[in-house]
Amino acid sequence: MRVALINEFSQASKNALLLRALESSANKYNVEWYNTGMKSDNDEPYLNYIHLGIQAFVLLNTNAVDFVITGCGSGQGACMSLNSYPGVNCGYVTDTSDAFLFTQINNGNAISLAFAKDFGWAAELKIEDIFDKIFSSERGAGYPPKMQETQKKNAGIFNHVKSKICKEPVEILKSIDAEFITTALAGKEFRKCFLKNAVDCNLTAYVKSMISDNGYA
């Protein structure tokens, strides 16, 4: 399982703390992780919650990663941004119960966490517990067990409906302000993850051309 942690500007100072929690949990469950967002207050590129959605959209729709962990001060903006895109199903997670139920019932591929609201002493322990629940649970298994088949069917219907009401992935990127796209794609760690793992598809080819055209090393 490959996972991307994406921080935006308002909570970039917490990246090191979040990364320690992610590393600790990932080591238990053989999870490969990438830190594709901001790492400090002065890091570049400067990402906001709009950029988070673009990064997650590209990474998940090219299979560069299997799961995205992100958030913002409240967790709401990041969740809204990610859920704007096809192929991205983001849950707003506040505790381990949310993590378990979202993984079991909705079988999503991203979570948004609140990195400022209710983020006090020992918050990193709660975050690690959430990661543990995400990584250790069988995604889409269903809960409670008697509702498994209905939940699996509904998750499939949801993904089908979402795909029908959204544009084709390359057309989505073409329709967004180019400045937002180039900023979202500019990070060295993002490009490392994408170029190493993205599978061949129209979206991968288009993003590679954008990276090349913008002269990213």
Protein backbone atom coordinates (compact mmCIF):
# COMPACT_ATOMS: atom_id res chain seq x y z
CA MET A 1 0.00 0.00 0.00
CA ARG A 2 1.34 3.42 -0.99
CA VAL A 3 0.21 6.49 0.94
CA ALA A 4 0.72 10.22 0.42
CA LEU A 5 0.66 12.73 3.29
CA ILE A 6 -0.22 16.20 1.98
CA ASN A 7 0.01 19.29 4.20
CA GLU A 8 -1.12 22.78 3.20
CA PHE A 9 0.26 26.10 4.45
CA SER A 10 -1.81 26.71 7.58
CA GLN A 11 -0.69 23.49 9.29
CA ALA A 12 2.68 22.96 7.62
CA SER A 13 4.47 23.43 10.95
CA LYS A 14 2.86 20.20 12.17
CA ASN A 15 4.23 18.14 9.28
CA ALA A 16 7.13 16.68 11.25
CA LEU A 17 4.79 15.55 14.06
CA LEU A 18 2.35 14.02 11.59
CA LEU A 19 5.16 12.32 9.71
CA ARG A 20 6.44 10.68 12.91
CA ALA A 21 2.97 9.27 13.56
CA LEU A 22 2.70 8.09 9.95
CA GLU A 23 6.12 6.43 10.02
CA SER A 24 5.34 4.63 13.27
CA SER A 25 2.06 3.28 11.92
CA ALA A 26 3.39 2.52 8.43
CA ASN A 27 6.21 0.41 9.85
CA LYS A 28 3.66 -1.87 11.52
CA TYR A 29 1.69 -2.55 8.34
CA ASN A 30 4.31 -2.45 5.56
CA VAL A 31 3.02 0.82 4.14
CA GLU A 32 5.14 2.85 1.74
CA TRP A 33 4.66 6.58 2.32
CA TYR A 34 5.43 9.86 0.54
CA ASN A 35 5.42 13.33 2.08
CA THR A 36 4.20 15.29 -0.95
CA GLY A 37 2.94 18.52 0.63
CA MET A 38 4.49 21.34 2.62
CA LYS A 39 7.01 20.40 5.31
CA SER A 40 7.36 23.74 7.13
CA ASP A 41 5.92 27.24 7.22
CA ASN A 42 8.55 28.49 4.78
CA ASP A 43 8.48 25.52 2.43
CA GLU A 44 7.73 25.89 -1.27
CA PRO A 45 5.57 25.49 -3.23
CA TYR A 46 2.97 27.29 -1.12
CA LEU A 47 -0.08 25.02 -1.07
CA ASN A 48 -3.62 25.78 0.04
CA TYR A 49 -6.54 23.38 0.31
CA ILE A 50 -7.34 23.84 -3.38
CA HIS A 51 -3.91 22.49 -4.30
CA LEU A 52 -4.49 19.50 -1.99
CA GLY A 53 -7.41 18.40 -4.14
CA ILE A 54 -5.40 18.66 -7.36
CA GLN A 55 -2.52 16.62 -5.94
CA ALA A 56 -4.82 13.94 -4.57
CA PHE A 57 -6.74 13.77 -7.86
CA VAL A 58 -3.57 13.20 -9.88
CA LEU A 59 -1.94 10.75 -7.48
CA LEU A 60 -5.04 8.59 -7.00
CA ASN A 61 -6.25 8.61 -10.60
CA THR A 62 -2.85 7.54 -11.91
CA ASN A 63 -2.46 4.89 -9.17
CA ALA A 64 0.72 6.59 -7.99
CA VAL A 65 -0.66 6.05 -4.48
CA ASP A 66 -3.49 3.98 -3.05
CA PHE A 67 -4.47 6.34 -0.26
CA VAL A 68 -4.14 10.03 0.64
CA ILE A 69 -3.92 11.51 4.12
CA THR A 70 -4.52 15.23 4.29
CA GLY A 71 -6.26 17.93 6.27
CA CYS A 72 -6.27 21.58 7.25
CA GLY A 73 -7.15 23.57 10.35
CA SER A 74 -10.69 22.22 10.59
CA GLY A 75 -10.34 19.41 8.07
CA GLN A 76 -13.44 20.64 6.24
CA GLY A 77 -11.81 22.62 3.41
CA ALA A 78 -9.46 19.81 2.50
CA CYS A 79 -12.31 17.31 2.53
CA MET A 80 -14.42 19.50 0.23
CA SER A 81 -11.51 20.07 -2.14
CA LEU A 82 -10.68 16.38 -2.52
CA ASN A 83 -14.29 15.34 -2.97
CA SER A 84 -14.62 17.70 -5.94
CA TYR A 85 -12.85 15.16 -8.14
CA PRO A 86 -13.77 11.79 -9.65
CA GLY A 87 -11.78 8.86 -8.38
CA VAL A 88 -11.29 10.55 -5.01
CA ASN A 89 -13.57 9.64 -2.10
CA CYS A 90 -12.46 11.50 1.01
CA GLY A 91 -13.84 10.97 4.50
CA TYR A 92 -13.79 13.51 7.32
CA VAL A 93 -12.21 11.58 10.19
CA THR A 94 -12.03 12.73 13.80
CA ASP A 95 -11.35 9.47 15.67
CA THR A 96 -10.73 5.76 15.23
CA SER A 97 -14.43 4.95 14.94
CA ASP A 98 -14.71 7.30 11.96
CA ALA A 99 -11.62 5.70 10.44
CA PHE A 100 -12.98 2.18 10.86
CA LEU A 101 -16.49 2.90 9.60
CA PHE A 102 -15.30 4.96 6.64
CA THR A 103 -12.88 2.22 5.62
CA GLN A 104 -15.40 -0.59 6.07
CA ILE A 105 -18.57 0.99 4.73
CA ASN A 106 -17.52 3.63 2.21
CA ASN A 107 -14.25 2.08 1.02
CA GLY A 108 -12.81 5.54 0.35
CA ASN A 109 -9.25 6.31 -0.65
CA ALA A 110 -8.53 9.52 1.28
CA ILE A 111 -9.12 11.03 4.70
CA SER A 112 -9.12 14.62 5.89
CA LEU A 113 -8.12 15.41 9.48
CA ALA A 114 -8.43 18.51 11.64
CA PHE A 115 -4.89 19.63 12.41
CA ALA A 116 -5.84 22.67 14.51
CA LYS A 117 -9.36 22.13 15.88
CA ASP A 118 -9.23 19.92 19.00
CA PHE A 119 -5.54 19.25 18.33
CA GLY A 120 -3.95 19.39 21.79
CA TRP A 121 -1.75 17.31 24.05
CA ALA A 122 -1.08 13.79 22.79
CA ALA A 123 -2.78 14.59 19.48
CA GLU A 124 -0.05 12.66 17.70
CA LEU A 125 -1.10 9.52 19.59
CA LYS A 126 -4.69 9.91 18.40
CA ILE A 127 -3.46 10.47 14.85
CA GLU A 128 -1.32 7.34 14.97
CA ASP A 129 -4.29 5.33 16.24
CA ILE A 130 -6.34 6.62 13.30
CA PHE A 131 -3.59 5.60 10.88
CA ASP A 132 -3.43 2.16 12.52
CA LYS A 133 -7.14 1.67 12.01
CA ILE A 134 -6.93 2.74 8.36
CA PHE A 135 -3.96 0.52 7.52
CA SER A 136 -5.08 -2.55 9.46
CA SER A 137 -8.69 -2.68 8.25
CA GLU A 138 -9.91 -4.50 5.18
CA ARG A 139 -11.30 -1.74 3.01
CA GLY A 140 -14.88 -2.23 1.91
CA ALA A 141 -15.53 -5.29 4.06
CA GLY A 142 -18.75 -3.79 5.41
CA TYR A 143 -20.11 -3.17 8.88
CA PRO A 144 -22.11 -4.60 10.49
CA PRO A 145 -21.51 -7.91 8.69
CA LYS A 146 -25.20 -8.45 7.84
CA MET A 147 -25.11 -5.30 5.68
CA GLN A 148 -21.92 -6.13 3.78
CA GLU A 149 -23.44 -6.86 0.39
CA THR A 150 -25.71 -3.80 0.41
CA GLN A 151 -22.84 -1.53 1.40
CA LYS A 152 -20.53 -2.91 -1.28
CA LYS A 153 -23.25 -2.42 -3.89
CA ASN A 154 -23.94 1.14 -2.78
CA ALA A 155 -20.24 2.05 -2.83
CA GLY A 156 -20.04 0.82 -6.41
CA ILE A 157 -23.15 2.79 -7.41
CA PHE A 158 -21.72 5.93 -5.80
CA ASN A 159 -18.48 5.64 -7.76
CA HIS A 160 -20.41 5.06 -10.99
CA VAL A 161 -22.65 8.10 -10.44
CA LYS A 162 -19.68 10.31 -9.55
CA SER A 163 -17.84 9.27 -12.70
CA LYS A 164 -20.88 10.19 -14.82
CA ILE A 165 -21.28 13.71 -13.44
CA CYS A 166 -17.58 14.65 -13.83
CA LYS A 167 -15.44 15.40 -16.85
CA GLU A 168 -12.71 13.15 -18.16
CA PRO A 169 -9.59 13.58 -15.96
CA VAL A 170 -7.41 15.38 -18.52
CA GLU A 171 -10.27 17.75 -19.37
CA ILE A 172 -10.62 18.56 -15.67
CA LEU A 173 -6.99 19.69 -15.44
CA LYS A 174 -7.29 21.66 -18.67
CA SER A 175 -10.30 23.53 -17.29
CA ILE A 176 -8.55 24.66 -14.08
CA ASP A 177 -6.43 27.80 -13.88
CA ALA A 178 -2.95 26.74 -15.01
CA GLU A 179 -1.32 28.55 -12.08
CA PHE A 180 -3.06 26.26 -9.60
CA ILE A 181 -2.01 23.18 -11.54
CA THR A 182 1.64 24.12 -11.91
CA THR A 183 1.90 25.01 -8.22
CA ALA A 184 0.30 21.73 -7.16
CA LEU A 185 2.71 19.74 -9.36
CA ALA A 186 5.87 21.66 -8.49
CA GLY A 187 6.90 19.89 -5.28
CA LYS A 188 9.97 17.65 -5.53
CA GLU A 189 8.47 14.89 -3.35
CA PHE A 190 5.21 14.95 -5.30
CA ARG A 191 7.09 14.55 -8.59
CA LYS A 192 9.23 11.76 -7.13
CA CYS A 193 6.13 9.82 -6.08
CA PHE A 194 4.26 10.47 -9.33
CA LEU A 195 7.11 9.71 -11.74
CA LYS A 196 8.10 6.53 -9.89
CA ASN A 197 4.64 5.00 -9.48
CA ALA A 198 2.06 6.44 -11.90
CA VAL A 199 0.67 3.89 -14.34
CA ASP A 200 0.40 4.64 -18.05
CA CYS A 201 -2.84 6.42 -18.89
CA ASN A 202 -3.96 9.66 -20.56
CA LEU A 203 -3.77 11.56 -17.27
CA THR A 204 -0.24 10.32 -16.57
CA ALA A 205 0.94 11.37 -20.02
CA TYR A 206 -0.66 14.80 -19.67
CA VAL A 207 0.83 15.45 -16.23
CA LYS A 208 4.28 14.31 -17.41
CA SER A 209 4.04 16.77 -20.29
CA MET A 210 3.15 19.57 -17.86
CA ILE A 211 6.09 18.69 -15.63
CA SER A 212 8.40 18.71 -18.65
CA ASP A 213 6.98 21.93 -20.09
CA ASN A 214 7.50 23.74 -16.79
CA GLY A 215 11.11 22.62 -16.54
CA TYR A 216 10.80 20.81 -13.21
CA ALA A 217 13.98 18.96 -12.40
